[in-house]
PDB file of N, CA and C in Angstrom:
ATOM      1  N   MET A   1      -5.679 -68.973 -16.466  1.00  0.00           N
ATOM      2  CA  MET A   1      -5.770 -67.673 -15.825  1.00  0.00           C
ATOM      3  C   MET A   1      -4.371 -67.043 -15.777  1.00  0.00           C
ATOM      4  N   ASN A   2      -4.321 -65.799 -16.082  1.00  0.00           N
ATOM      5  CA  ASN A   2      -3.074 -65.072 -16.068  1.00  0.00           C
ATOM      6  C   ASN A   2      -2.843 -64.452 -14.692  1.00  0.00           C
ATOM      7  N   LEU A   3      -1.755 -64.837 -14.043  1.00  0.00           N
ATOM      8  CA  LEU A   3      -1.439 -64.322 -12.706  1.00  0.00           C
ATOM      9  C   LEU A   3      -0.455 -63.159 -12.721  1.00  0.00           C
ATOM     10  N   SER A   4       0.004 -62.766 -13.904  1.00  0.00           N
ATOM     11  CA  SER A   4       0.995 -61.677 -13.996  1.00  0.00           C
ATOM     12  C   SER A   4       0.468 -60.416 -13.336  1.00  0.00           C
ATOM     13  N   ASN A   5       1.308 -59.828 -12.489  1.00  0.00           N
ATOM     14  CA  ASN A   5       1.021 -58.563 -11.808  1.00  0.00           C
ATOM     15  C   ASN A   5      -0.193 -58.607 -10.872  1.00  0.00           C
ATOM     16  N   LYS A   6      -0.658 -59.785 -10.512  1.00  0.00           N
ATOM     17  CA  LYS A   6      -1.803 -59.918  -9.605  1.00  0.00           C
ATOM     18  C   LYS A   6      -1.325 -59.911  -8.152  1.00  0.00           C
ATOM     19  N   VAL A   7      -2.131 -59.343  -7.289  1.00  0.00           N
ATOM     20  CA  VAL A   7      -1.862 -59.329  -5.850  1.00  0.00           C
ATOM     21  C   VAL A   7      -3.063 -59.984  -5.170  1.00  0.00           C
ATOM     22  N   PHE A   8      -2.788 -60.974  -4.321  1.00  0.00           N
ATOM     23  CA  PHE A   8      -3.841 -61.690  -3.595  1.00  0.00           C
ATOM     24  C   PHE A   8      -3.629 -61.509  -2.114  1.00  0.00           C
ATOM     25  N   GLU A   9      -4.751 -61.412  -1.388  1.00  0.00           N
ATOM     26  CA  GLU A   9      -4.702 -61.318   0.062  1.00  0.00           C
ATOM     27  C   GLU A   9      -5.501 -62.487   0.650  1.00  0.00           C
ATOM     28  N   LEU A  10      -4.941 -63.092   1.691  1.00  0.00           N
ATOM     29  CA  LEU A  10      -5.575 -64.226   2.333  1.00  0.00           C
ATOM     30  C   LEU A  10      -6.888 -63.792   2.991  1.00  0.00           C
ATOM     31  N   ILE A  11      -7.965 -64.592   2.747  1.00  0.00           N
ATOM     32  CA  ILE A  11      -9.233 -64.285   3.395  1.00  0.00           C
ATOM     33  C   ILE A  11      -9.687 -65.432   4.319  1.00  0.00           C
ATOM     34  N   GLU A  12      -9.105 -66.641   4.134  1.00  0.00           N
ATOM     35  CA  GLU A  12      -9.478 -67.772   4.992  1.00  0.00           C
ATOM     36  C   GLU A  12      -8.386 -68.836   4.894  1.00  0.00           C
ATOM     37  N   ASN A  13      -8.059 -69.462   6.053  1.00  0.00           N
ATOM     38  CA  ASN A  13      -7.032 -70.503   6.063  1.00  0.00           C
ATOM     39  C   ASN A  13      -7.337 -71.497   7.175  1.00  0.00           C
ATOM     40  N   THR A  14      -7.305 -72.782   6.841  1.00  0.00           N
ATOM     41  CA  THR A  14      -7.532 -73.819   7.852  1.00  0.00           C
ATOM     42  C   THR A  14      -6.199 -74.346   8.329  1.00  0.00           C
ATOM     43  N   ASP A  15      -5.883 -74.141   9.595  1.00  0.00           N
ATOM     44  CA  ASP A  15      -4.704 -74.709  10.248  1.00  0.00           C
ATOM     45  C   ASP A  15      -3.388 -74.421   9.563  1.00  0.00           C
ATOM     46  N   GLY A  16      -3.259 -73.308   8.892  1.00  0.00           N
ATOM     47  CA  GLY A  16      -2.022 -73.019   8.194  1.00  0.00           C
ATOM     48  C   GLY A  16      -1.206 -71.930   8.860  1.00  0.00           C
ATOM     49  N   LEU A  17      -0.059 -71.640   8.308  1.00  0.00           N
ATOM     50  CA  LEU A  17       0.856 -70.623   8.806  1.00  0.00           C
ATOM     51  C   LEU A  17       0.373 -69.220   8.445  1.00  0.00           C
ATOM     52  N   ALA A  18      -0.120 -69.067   7.224  1.00  0.00           N
ATOM     53  CA  ALA A  18      -0.523 -67.747   6.747  1.00  0.00           C
ATOM     54  C   ALA A  18      -1.710 -67.226   7.543  1.00  0.00           C
ATOM     55  N   ALA A  19      -1.656 -65.954   7.901  1.00  0.00           N
ATOM     56  CA  ALA A  19      -2.720 -65.310   8.673  1.00  0.00           C
ATOM     57  C   ALA A  19      -3.313 -64.173   7.840  1.00  0.00           C
ATOM     58  N   LYS A  20      -4.412 -63.623   8.310  1.00  0.00           N
ATOM     59  CA  LYS A  20      -5.033 -62.497   7.607  1.00  0.00           C
ATOM     60  C   LYS A  20      -3.965 -61.431   7.342  1.00  0.00           C
ATOM     61  N   LYS A  21      -4.173 -60.726   6.279  1.00  0.00           N
ATOM     62  CA  LYS A  21      -3.268 -59.683   5.804  1.00  0.00           C
ATOM     63  C   LYS A  21      -2.022 -60.235   5.124  1.00  0.00           C
ATOM     64  N   THR A  22      -1.917 -61.566   4.975  1.00  0.00           N
ATOM     65  CA  THR A  22      -0.800 -62.114   4.196  1.00  0.00           C
ATOM     66  C   THR A  22      -1.076 -61.808   2.733  1.00  0.00           C
ATOM     67  N   ARG A  23      -0.073 -61.296   2.050  1.00  0.00           N
ATOM     68  CA  ARG A  23      -0.217 -60.936   0.638  1.00  0.00           C
ATOM     69  C   ARG A  23       0.752 -61.736  -0.208  1.00  0.00           C
ATOM     70  N   MET A  24       0.250 -62.121  -1.395  1.00  0.00           N
ATOM     71  CA  MET A  24       1.043 -62.835  -2.392  1.00  0.00           C
ATOM     72  C   MET A  24       1.072 -61.939  -3.634  1.00  0.00           C
ATOM     73  N   ILE A  25       2.284 -61.547  -4.058  1.00  0.00           N
ATOM     74  CA  ILE A  25       2.441 -60.589  -5.142  1.00  0.00           C
ATOM     75  C   ILE A  25       3.168 -61.269  -6.299  1.00  0.00           C
ATOM     76  N   PHE A  26       2.450 -61.438  -7.425  1.00  0.00           N
ATOM     77  CA  PHE A  26       3.011 -62.113  -8.583  1.00  0.00           C
ATOM     78  C   PHE A  26       3.775 -61.144  -9.465  1.00  0.00           C
ATOM     79  N   GLU A  27       4.867 -61.657 -10.055  1.00  0.00           N
ATOM     80  CA  GLU A  27       5.712 -60.859 -10.947  1.00  0.00           C
ATOM     81  C   GLU A  27       5.024 -60.660 -12.299  1.00  0.00           C
ATOM     82  N   ASN A  28       5.630 -59.821 -13.117  1.00  0.00           N
ATOM     83  CA  ASN A  28       5.123 -59.501 -14.431  1.00  0.00           C
ATOM     84  C   ASN A  28       5.526 -60.536 -15.476  1.00  0.00           C
ATOM     85  N   ASP A  29       4.544 -61.083 -16.177  1.00  0.00           N
ATOM     86  CA  ASP A  29       4.748 -61.929 -17.366  1.00  0.00           C
ATOM     87  C   ASP A  29       5.835 -62.966 -17.234  1.00  0.00           C
ATOM     88  N   THR A  30       5.766 -63.797 -16.234  1.00  0.00           N
ATOM     89  CA  THR A  30       6.756 -64.863 -16.085  1.00  0.00           C
ATOM     90  C   THR A  30       6.075 -66.212 -16.218  1.00  0.00           C
ATOM     91  N   GLN A  31       6.779 -67.158 -16.781  1.00  0.00           N
ATOM     92  CA  GLN A  31       6.314 -68.556 -16.881  1.00  0.00           C
ATOM     93  C   GLN A  31       7.492 -69.420 -16.474  1.00  0.00           C
ATOM     94  N   PRO A  32       7.405 -70.197 -15.425  1.00  0.00           N
ATOM     95  CA  PRO A  32       6.213 -70.312 -14.576  1.00  0.00           C
ATOM     96  C   PRO A  32       5.989 -69.039 -13.795  1.00  0.00           C
ATOM     97  N   TYR A  33       4.761 -68.878 -13.277  1.00  0.00           N
ATOM     98  CA  TYR A  33       4.455 -67.711 -12.463  1.00  0.00           C
ATOM     99  C   TYR A  33       5.258 -67.757 -11.189  1.00  0.00           C
ATOM    100  N   ARG A  34       5.740 -66.582 -10.765  1.00  0.00           N
ATOM    101  CA  ARG A  34       6.526 -66.473  -9.533  1.00  0.00           C
ATOM    102  C   ARG A  34       5.953 -65.345  -8.697  1.00  0.00           C
ATOM    103  N   ALA A  35       5.965 -65.569  -7.372  1.00  0.00           N
ATOM    104  CA  ALA A  35       5.452 -64.540  -6.469  1.00  0.00           C
ATOM    105  C   ALA A  35       6.267 -64.542  -5.196  1.00  0.00           C
ATOM    106  N   ILE A  36       6.154 -63.448  -4.477  1.00  0.00           N
ATOM    107  CA  ILE A  36       6.682 -63.372  -3.109  1.00  0.00           C
ATOM    108  C   ILE A  36       5.477 -63.216  -2.187  1.00  0.00           C
ATOM    109  N   TYR A  37       5.630 -63.625  -0.942  1.00  0.00           N
ATOM    110  CA  TYR A  37       4.573 -63.381   0.014  1.00  0.00           C
ATOM    111  C   TYR A  37       5.125 -63.067   1.383  1.00  0.00           C
ATOM    112  N   THR A  38       4.397 -62.211   2.113  1.00  0.00           N
ATOM    113  CA  THR A  38       4.750 -61.809   3.460  1.00  0.00           C
ATOM    114  C   THR A  38       3.454 -61.625   4.240  1.00  0.00           C
ATOM    115  N   GLY A  39       3.582 -61.666   5.550  1.00  0.00           N
ATOM    116  CA  GLY A  39       2.399 -61.478   6.375  1.00  0.00           C
ATOM    117  C   GLY A  39       2.739 -61.508   7.834  1.00  0.00           C
ATOM    118  N   GLU A  40       1.703 -61.620   8.650  1.00  0.00           N
ATOM    119  CA  GLU A  40       1.836 -61.569  10.097  1.00  0.00           C
ATOM    120  C   GLU A  40       2.796 -62.635  10.636  1.00  0.00           C
ATOM    121  N   ASN A  41       2.780 -63.849  10.059  1.00  0.00           N
ATOM    122  CA  ASN A  41       3.623 -64.942  10.526  1.00  0.00           C
ATOM    123  C   ASN A  41       4.773 -65.270   9.593  1.00  0.00           C
ATOM    124  N   VAL A  42       4.824 -64.606   8.435  1.00  0.00           N
ATOM    125  CA  VAL A  42       5.802 -64.928   7.405  1.00  0.00           C
ATOM    126  C   VAL A  42       6.724 -63.733   7.177  1.00  0.00           C
ATOM    127  N   GLU A  43       8.011 -63.935   7.419  1.00  0.00           N
ATOM    128  CA  GLU A  43       9.000 -62.887   7.168  1.00  0.00           C
ATOM    129  C   GLU A  43       9.174 -62.677   5.667  1.00  0.00           C
ATOM    130  N   PHE A  44       9.345 -63.791   4.944  1.00  0.00           N
ATOM    131  CA  PHE A  44       9.540 -63.753   3.484  1.00  0.00           C
ATOM    132  C   PHE A  44       9.241 -65.107   2.913  1.00  0.00           C
ATOM    133  N   GLY A  45       8.522 -65.162   1.786  1.00  0.00           N
ATOM    134  CA  GLY A  45       8.246 -66.418   1.117  1.00  0.00           C
ATOM    135  C   GLY A  45       8.302 -66.282  -0.389  1.00  0.00           C
ATOM    136  N   ASN A  46       8.567 -67.420  -1.054  1.00  0.00           N
ATOM    137  CA  ASN A  46       8.597 -67.508  -2.515  1.00  0.00           C
ATOM    138  C   ASN A  46       7.584 -68.529  -2.979  1.00  0.00           C
ATOM    139  N   VAL A  47       6.980 -68.290  -4.153  1.00  0.00           N
ATOM    140  CA  VAL A  47       5.979 -69.165  -4.722  1.00  0.00           C
ATOM    141  C   VAL A  47       6.321 -69.397  -6.187  1.00  0.00           C
ATOM    142  N   ILE A  48       6.107 -70.629  -6.656  1.00  0.00           N
ATOM    143  CA  ILE A  48       6.181 -70.968  -8.083  1.00  0.00           C
ATOM    144  C   ILE A  48       4.885 -71.675  -8.436  1.00  0.00           C
ATOM    145  N   VAL A  49       4.240 -71.235  -9.526  1.00  0.00           N
ATOM    146  CA  VAL A  49       2.992 -71.864  -9.988  1.00  0.00           C
ATOM    147  C   VAL A  49       3.188 -72.303 -11.441  1.00  0.00           C
ATOM    148  N   THR A  50       2.896 -73.581 -11.707  1.00  0.00           N
ATOM    149  CA  THR A  50       2.956 -74.104 -13.068  1.00  0.00           C
ATOM    150  C   THR A  50       1.602 -74.686 -13.417  1.00  0.00           C
ATOM    151  N   THR A  51       1.362 -74.834 -14.728  1.00  0.00           N
ATOM    152  CA  THR A  51       0.143 -75.464 -15.207  1.00  0.00           C
ATOM    153  C   THR A  51       0.531 -76.640 -16.081  1.00  0.00           C
ATOM    154  N   SER A  52      -0.056 -77.804 -15.769  1.00  0.00           N
ATOM    155  CA  SER A  52       0.202 -79.017 -16.539  1.00  0.00           C
ATOM    156  C   SER A  52      -1.120 -79.757 -16.728  1.00  0.00           C
ATOM    157  N   ASN A  53      -1.468 -80.007 -17.971  1.00  0.00           N
ATOM    158  CA  ASN A  53      -2.728 -80.680 -18.300  1.00  0.00           C
ATOM    159  C   ASN A  53      -3.931 -79.980 -17.669  1.00  0.00           C
ATOM    160  N   GLY A  54      -3.897 -78.670 -17.671  1.00  0.00           N
ATOM    161  CA  GLY A  54      -5.007 -77.888 -17.140  1.00  0.00           C
ATOM    162  C   GLY A  54      -5.056 -77.772 -15.627  1.00  0.00           C
ATOM    163  N   VAL A  55      -4.069 -78.353 -14.914  1.00  0.00           N
ATOM    164  CA  VAL A  55      -4.037 -78.304 -13.459  1.00  0.00           C
ATOM    165  C   VAL A  55      -2.930 -77.341 -13.018  1.00  0.00           C
ATOM    166  N   MET A  56      -3.292 -76.417 -12.130  1.00  0.00           N
ATOM    167  CA  MET A  56      -2.302 -75.484 -11.608  1.00  0.00           C
ATOM    168  C   MET A  56      -1.737 -76.057 -10.320  1.00  0.00           C
ATOM    169  N   ASN A  57      -0.403 -76.108 -10.239  1.00  0.00           N
ATOM    170  CA  ASN A  57       0.303 -76.605  -9.055  1.00  0.00           C
ATOM    171  C   ASN A  57       1.226 -75.519  -8.523  1.00  0.00           C
ATOM    172  N   MET A  58       1.350 -75.468  -7.192  1.00  0.00           N
ATOM    173  CA  MET A  58       2.174 -74.469  -6.540  1.00  0.00           C
ATOM    174  C   MET A  58       3.158 -75.147  -5.605  1.00  0.00           C
ATOM    175  N   LEU A  59       4.365 -74.614  -5.599  1.00  0.00           N
ATOM    176  CA  LEU A  59       5.352 -74.941  -4.573  1.00  0.00           C
ATOM    177  C   LEU A  59       5.680 -73.640  -3.861  1.00  0.00           C
ATOM    178  N   TYR A  60       5.831 -73.721  -2.527  1.00  0.00           N
ATOM    179  CA  TYR A  60       6.154 -72.510  -1.775  1.00  0.00           C
ATOM    180  C   TYR A  60       7.135 -72.825  -0.654  1.00  0.00           C
ATOM    181  N   GLN A  61       7.896 -71.813  -0.320  1.00  0.00           N
ATOM    182  CA  GLN A  61       8.838 -71.906   0.782  1.00  0.00           C
ATOM    183  C   GLN A  61       8.863 -70.563   1.486  1.00  0.00           C
ATOM    184  N   ALA A  62       9.146 -70.600   2.783  1.00  0.00           N
ATOM    185  CA  ALA A  62       9.128 -69.346   3.539  1.00  0.00           C
ATOM    186  C   ALA A  62      10.035 -69.420   4.739  1.00  0.00           C
ATOM    187  N   LEU A  63      10.393 -68.244   5.213  1.00  0.00           N
ATOM    188  CA  LEU A  63      11.052 -68.055   6.493  1.00  0.00           C
ATOM    189  C   LEU A  63      10.011 -67.426   7.410  1.00  0.00           C
ATOM    190  N   THR A  64       9.676 -68.108   8.513  1.00  0.00           N
ATOM    191  CA  THR A  64       8.672 -67.592   9.427  1.00  0.00           C
ATOM    192  C   THR A  64       9.259 -66.476  10.293  1.00  0.00           C
ATOM    193  N   LYS A  65       8.406 -65.752  10.977  1.00  0.00           N
ATOM    194  CA  LYS A  65       8.857 -64.706  11.895  1.00  0.00           C
ATOM    195  C   LYS A  65       9.638 -65.310  13.066  1.00  0.00           C
ATOM    196  N   ASP A  66       9.449 -66.622  13.338  1.00  0.00           N
ATOM    197  CA  ASP A  66      10.181 -67.337  14.379  1.00  0.00           C
ATOM    198  C   ASP A  66      11.528 -67.878  13.887  1.00  0.00           C
ATOM    199  N   GLY A  67      11.865 -67.620  12.602  1.00  0.00           N
ATOM    200  CA  GLY A  67      13.146 -68.082  12.063  1.00  0.00           C
ATOM    201  C   GLY A  67      13.142 -69.499  11.534  1.00  0.00           C
ATOM    202  N   GLU A  68      11.963 -70.102  11.364  1.00  0.00           N
ATOM    203  CA  GLU A  68      11.864 -71.478  10.848  1.00  0.00           C
ATOM    204  C   GLU A  68      11.731 -71.460   9.332  1.00  0.00           C
ATOM    205  N   LEU A  69      12.452 -72.357   8.641  1.00  0.00           N
ATOM    206  CA  LEU A  69      12.291 -72.544   7.213  1.00  0.00           C
ATOM    207  C   LEU A  69      11.216 -73.609   6.989  1.00  0.00           C
ATOM    208  N   VAL A  70      10.225 -73.284   6.120  1.00  0.00           N
ATOM    209  CA  VAL A  70       9.135 -74.217   5.838  1.00  0.00           C
ATOM    210  C   VAL A  70       8.919 -74.299   4.333  1.00  0.00           C
ATOM    211  N   ALA A  71       8.321 -75.410   3.876  1.00  0.00           N
ATOM    212  CA  ALA A  71       8.021 -75.596   2.464  1.00  0.00           C
ATOM    213  C   ALA A  71       6.750 -76.419   2.311  1.00  0.00           C
ATOM    214  N   GLY A  72       6.055 -76.186   1.210  1.00  0.00           N
ATOM    215  CA  GLY A  72       4.822 -76.922   0.962  1.00  0.00           C
ATOM    216  C   GLY A  72       4.450 -76.930  -0.508  1.00  0.00           C
ATOM    217  N   LYS A  73       3.330 -77.594  -0.783  1.00  0.00           N
ATOM    218  CA  LYS A  73       2.810 -77.687  -2.149  1.00  0.00           C
ATOM    219  C   LYS A  73       1.310 -77.469  -2.094  1.00  0.00           C
ATOM    220  N   ALA A  74       0.716 -77.125  -3.246  1.00  0.00           N
ATOM    221  CA  ALA A  74      -0.725 -76.913  -3.304  1.00  0.00           C
ATOM    222  C   ALA A  74      -1.247 -77.132  -4.703  1.00  0.00           C
ATOM    223  N   LYS A  75      -2.511 -77.541  -4.788  1.00  0.00           N
ATOM    224  CA  LYS A  75      -3.277 -77.536  -6.012  1.00  0.00           C
ATOM    225  C   LYS A  75      -4.034 -76.195  -5.986  1.00  0.00           C
ATOM    226  N   VAL A  76      -4.053 -75.517  -7.113  1.00  0.00           N
ATOM    227  CA  VAL A  76      -4.637 -74.177  -7.201  1.00  0.00           C
ATOM    228  C   VAL A  76      -5.908 -74.208  -8.035  1.00  0.00           C
ATOM    229  N   ASN A  77      -6.992 -73.687  -7.485  1.00  0.00           N
ATOM    230  CA  ASN A  77      -8.237 -73.520  -8.234  1.00  0.00           C
ATOM    231  C   ASN A  77      -8.542 -72.033  -8.313  1.00  0.00           C
ATOM    232  N   MET A  78      -8.755 -71.546  -9.523  1.00  0.00           N
ATOM    233  CA  MET A  78      -9.047 -70.127  -9.735  1.00  0.00           C
ATOM    234  C   MET A  78     -10.526 -69.990 -10.079  1.00  0.00           C
ATOM    235  N   SER A  79     -11.141 -68.916  -9.586  1.00  0.00           N
ATOM    236  CA  SER A  79     -12.529 -68.614  -9.956  1.00  0.00           C
ATOM    237  C   SER A  79     -12.665 -67.111 -10.076  1.00  0.00           C
ATOM    238  N   THR A  80     -13.694 -66.708 -10.798  1.00  0.00           N
ATOM    239  CA  THR A  80     -13.978 -65.296 -10.972  1.00  0.00           C
ATOM    240  C   THR A  80     -15.157 -64.949 -10.083  1.00  0.00           C
ATOM    241  N   GLU A  81     -14.878 -64.191  -9.035  1.00  0.00           N
ATOM    242  CA  GLU A  81     -15.941 -63.766  -8.122  1.00  0.00           C
ATOM    243  C   GLU A  81     -16.807 -62.686  -8.781  1.00  0.00           C
ATOM    244  N   SER A  82     -16.171 -61.842  -9.540  1.00  0.00           N
ATOM    245  CA  SER A  82     -16.895 -60.810 -10.291  1.00  0.00           C
ATOM    246  C   SER A  82     -16.177 -60.669 -11.630  1.00  0.00           C
ATOM    247  N   THR A  83     -16.549 -59.703 -12.384  1.00  0.00           N
ATOM    248  CA  THR A  83     -15.926 -59.546 -13.705  1.00  0.00           C
ATOM    249  C   THR A  83     -14.515 -58.998 -13.601  1.00  0.00           C
ATOM    250  N   THR A  84     -14.110 -58.477 -12.432  1.00  0.00           N
ATOM    251  CA  THR A  84     -12.789 -57.866 -12.348  1.00  0.00           C
ATOM    252  C   THR A  84     -11.820 -58.539 -11.390  1.00  0.00           C
ATOM    253  N   TYR A  85     -12.314 -59.296 -10.397  1.00  0.00           N
ATOM    254  CA  TYR A  85     -11.403 -59.858  -9.405  1.00  0.00           C
ATOM    255  C   TYR A  85     -11.435 -61.389  -9.386  1.00  0.00           C
ATOM    256  N   LEU A  86     -10.259 -61.962  -9.174  1.00  0.00           N
ATOM    257  CA  LEU A  86     -10.118 -63.405  -9.095  1.00  0.00           C
ATOM    258  C   LEU A  86     -10.096 -63.879  -7.646  1.00  0.00           C
ATOM    259  N   GLU A  87     -10.534 -65.105  -7.439  1.00  0.00           N
ATOM    260  CA  GLU A  87     -10.368 -65.758  -6.145  1.00  0.00           C
ATOM    261  C   GLU A  87      -9.552 -67.007  -6.385  1.00  0.00           C
ATOM    262  N   MET A  88      -8.614 -67.278  -5.487  1.00  0.00           N
ATOM    263  CA  MET A  88      -7.710 -68.415  -5.609  1.00  0.00           C
ATOM    264  C   MET A  88      -7.900 -69.299  -4.369  1.00  0.00           C
ATOM    265  N   THR A  89      -8.184 -70.574  -4.601  1.00  0.00           N
ATOM    266  CA  THR A  89      -8.299 -71.535  -3.514  1.00  0.00           C
ATOM    267  C   THR A  89      -7.121 -72.500  -3.603  1.00  0.00           C
ATOM    268  N   LEU A  90      -6.416 -72.647  -2.495  1.00  0.00           N
ATOM    269  CA  LEU A  90      -5.264 -73.555  -2.434  1.00  0.00           C
ATOM    270  C   LEU A  90      -5.618 -74.741  -1.564  1.00  0.00           C
ATOM    271  N   HIS A  91      -5.420 -75.937  -2.098  1.00  0.00           N
ATOM    272  CA  HIS A  91      -5.517 -77.176  -1.325  1.00  0.00           C
ATOM    273  C   HIS A  91      -4.075 -77.562  -1.061  1.00  0.00           C
ATOM    274  N   TRP A  92      -3.581 -77.211   0.132  1.00  0.00           N
ATOM    275  CA  TRP A  92      -2.144 -77.244   0.415  1.00  0.00           C
ATOM    276  C   TRP A  92      -1.774 -78.390   1.355  1.00  0.00           C
ATOM    277  N   GLN A  93      -0.457 -78.700   1.295  1.00  0.00           N
ATOM    278  CA  GLN A  93       0.127 -79.668   2.236  1.00  0.00           C
ATOM    279  C   GLN A  93       1.567 -79.242   2.511  1.00  0.00           C
ATOM    280  N   TRP A  94       1.949 -79.290   3.786  1.00  0.00           N
ATOM    281  CA  TRP A  94       3.333 -79.006   4.163  1.00  0.00           C
ATOM    282  C   TRP A  94       4.223 -80.158   3.739  1.00  0.00           C
ATOM    283  N   LEU A  95       5.411 -79.821   3.256  1.00  0.00           N
ATOM    284  CA  LEU A  95       6.444 -80.809   2.931  1.00  0.00           C
ATOM    285  C   LEU A  95       7.498 -80.870   4.026  1.00  0.00           C
ATOM    286  N   THR A  96       7.358 -79.988   5.017  1.00  0.00           N
ATOM    287  CA  THR A  96       8.244 -79.950   6.189  1.00  0.00           C
ATOM    288  C   THR A  96       7.379 -79.984   7.437  1.00  0.00           C
ATOM    289  N   GLY A  97       8.000 -80.225   8.555  1.00  0.00           N
ATOM    290  CA  GLY A  97       7.255 -80.217   9.826  1.00  0.00           C
ATOM    291  C   GLY A  97       6.295 -81.372   9.936  1.00  0.00           C
ATOM    292  N   ASP A  98       5.051 -81.072  10.324  1.00  0.00           N
ATOM    293  CA  ASP A  98       4.086 -82.132  10.607  1.00  0.00           C
ATOM    294  C   ASP A  98       3.368 -82.685   9.374  1.00  0.00           C
ATOM    295  N   LEU A  99       3.657 -82.151   8.173  1.00  0.00           N
ATOM    296  CA  LEU A  99       3.080 -82.610   6.908  1.00  0.00           C
ATOM    297  C   LEU A  99       1.560 -82.439   6.861  1.00  0.00           C
ATOM    298  N   SER A 100       1.005 -81.546   7.683  1.00  0.00           N
ATOM    299  CA  SER A 100      -0.426 -81.331   7.699  1.00  0.00           C
ATOM    300  C   SER A 100      -0.900 -80.710   6.393  1.00  0.00           C
ATOM    301  N   SER A 101      -2.213 -80.689   6.191  1.00  0.00           N
ATOM    302  CA  SER A 101      -2.795 -80.144   4.976  1.00  0.00           C
ATOM    303  C   SER A 101      -4.026 -79.334   5.329  1.00  0.00           C
ATOM    304  N   GLY A 102      -4.500 -78.566   4.370  1.00  0.00           N
ATOM    305  CA  GLY A 102      -5.681 -77.753   4.576  1.00  0.00           C
ATOM    306  C   GLY A 102      -6.053 -76.989   3.329  1.00  0.00           C
ATOM    307  N   THR A 103      -6.903 -76.014   3.503  1.00  0.00           N
ATOM    308  CA  THR A 103      -7.401 -75.196   2.384  1.00  0.00           C
ATOM    309  C   THR A 103      -7.280 -73.741   2.778  1.00  0.00           C
ATOM    310  N   SER A 104      -6.896 -72.914   1.811  1.00  0.00           N
ATOM    311  CA  SER A 104      -6.892 -71.476   2.039  1.00  0.00           C
ATOM    312  C   SER A 104      -7.527 -70.782   0.849  1.00  0.00           C
ATOM    313  N   ARG A 105      -8.156 -69.646   1.131  1.00  0.00           N
ATOM    314  CA  ARG A 105      -8.793 -68.857   0.080  1.00  0.00           C
ATOM    315  C   ARG A 105      -8.140 -67.472   0.044  1.00  0.00           C
ATOM    316  N   TRP A 106      -7.894 -67.022  -1.171  1.00  0.00           N
ATOM    317  CA  TRP A 106      -7.246 -65.740  -1.398  1.00  0.00           C
ATOM    318  C   TRP A 106      -8.085 -64.950  -2.385  1.00  0.00           C
ATOM    319  N   LYS A 107      -8.142 -63.638  -2.184  1.00  0.00           N
ATOM    320  CA  LYS A 107      -8.891 -62.771  -3.083  1.00  0.00           C
ATOM    321  C   LYS A 107      -7.965 -61.737  -3.689  1.00  0.00           C
ATOM    322  N   GLU A 108      -8.112 -61.520  -4.996  1.00  0.00           N
ATOM    323  CA  GLU A 108      -7.319 -60.487  -5.679  1.00  0.00           C
ATOM    324  C   GLU A 108      -7.677 -59.118  -5.101  1.00  0.00           C
ATOM    325  N   VAL A 109      -6.666 -58.323  -4.862  1.00  0.00           N
ATOM    326  CA  VAL A 109      -6.845 -56.960  -4.354  1.00  0.00           C
ATOM    327  C   VAL A 109      -6.106 -55.979  -5.248  1.00  0.00           C
ATOM    328  N   THR A 110      -6.510 -54.738  -5.192  1.00  0.00           N
ATOM    329  CA  THR A 110      -5.778 -53.695  -5.912  1.00  0.00           C
ATOM    330  C   THR A 110      -4.913 -52.971  -4.899  1.00  0.00           C
ATOM    331  N   VAL A 111      -3.729 -52.590  -5.338  1.00  0.00           N
ATOM    332  CA  VAL A 111      -2.808 -51.872  -4.448  1.00  0.00           C
ATOM    333  C   VAL A 111      -2.388 -50.555  -5.074  1.00  0.00           C
TER     334      VAL A 111
END
């Protein structure tokens, strides 16, 4: 799946930092894919997504609104909800703090 110039908005998250209205904005034609994200609890975040043996992996880091630096990793599953929009499911785990894990769902949006 090509993530270039795609914008995703969080629609569901289990026990994670990201809240509704968090957006992930991917850059144009980059490999590995790179994105920034911001939202209600996130001042600024960076994302890197690579594909190896058909598996998409993500690393992310952020500065929270409380001034905390956090980092995590995720396995990425992409699906096509309709013919025009993608849905992204992240099976994530924190690499800092309590090392908790969970799942989040993101839907492609137009801006």
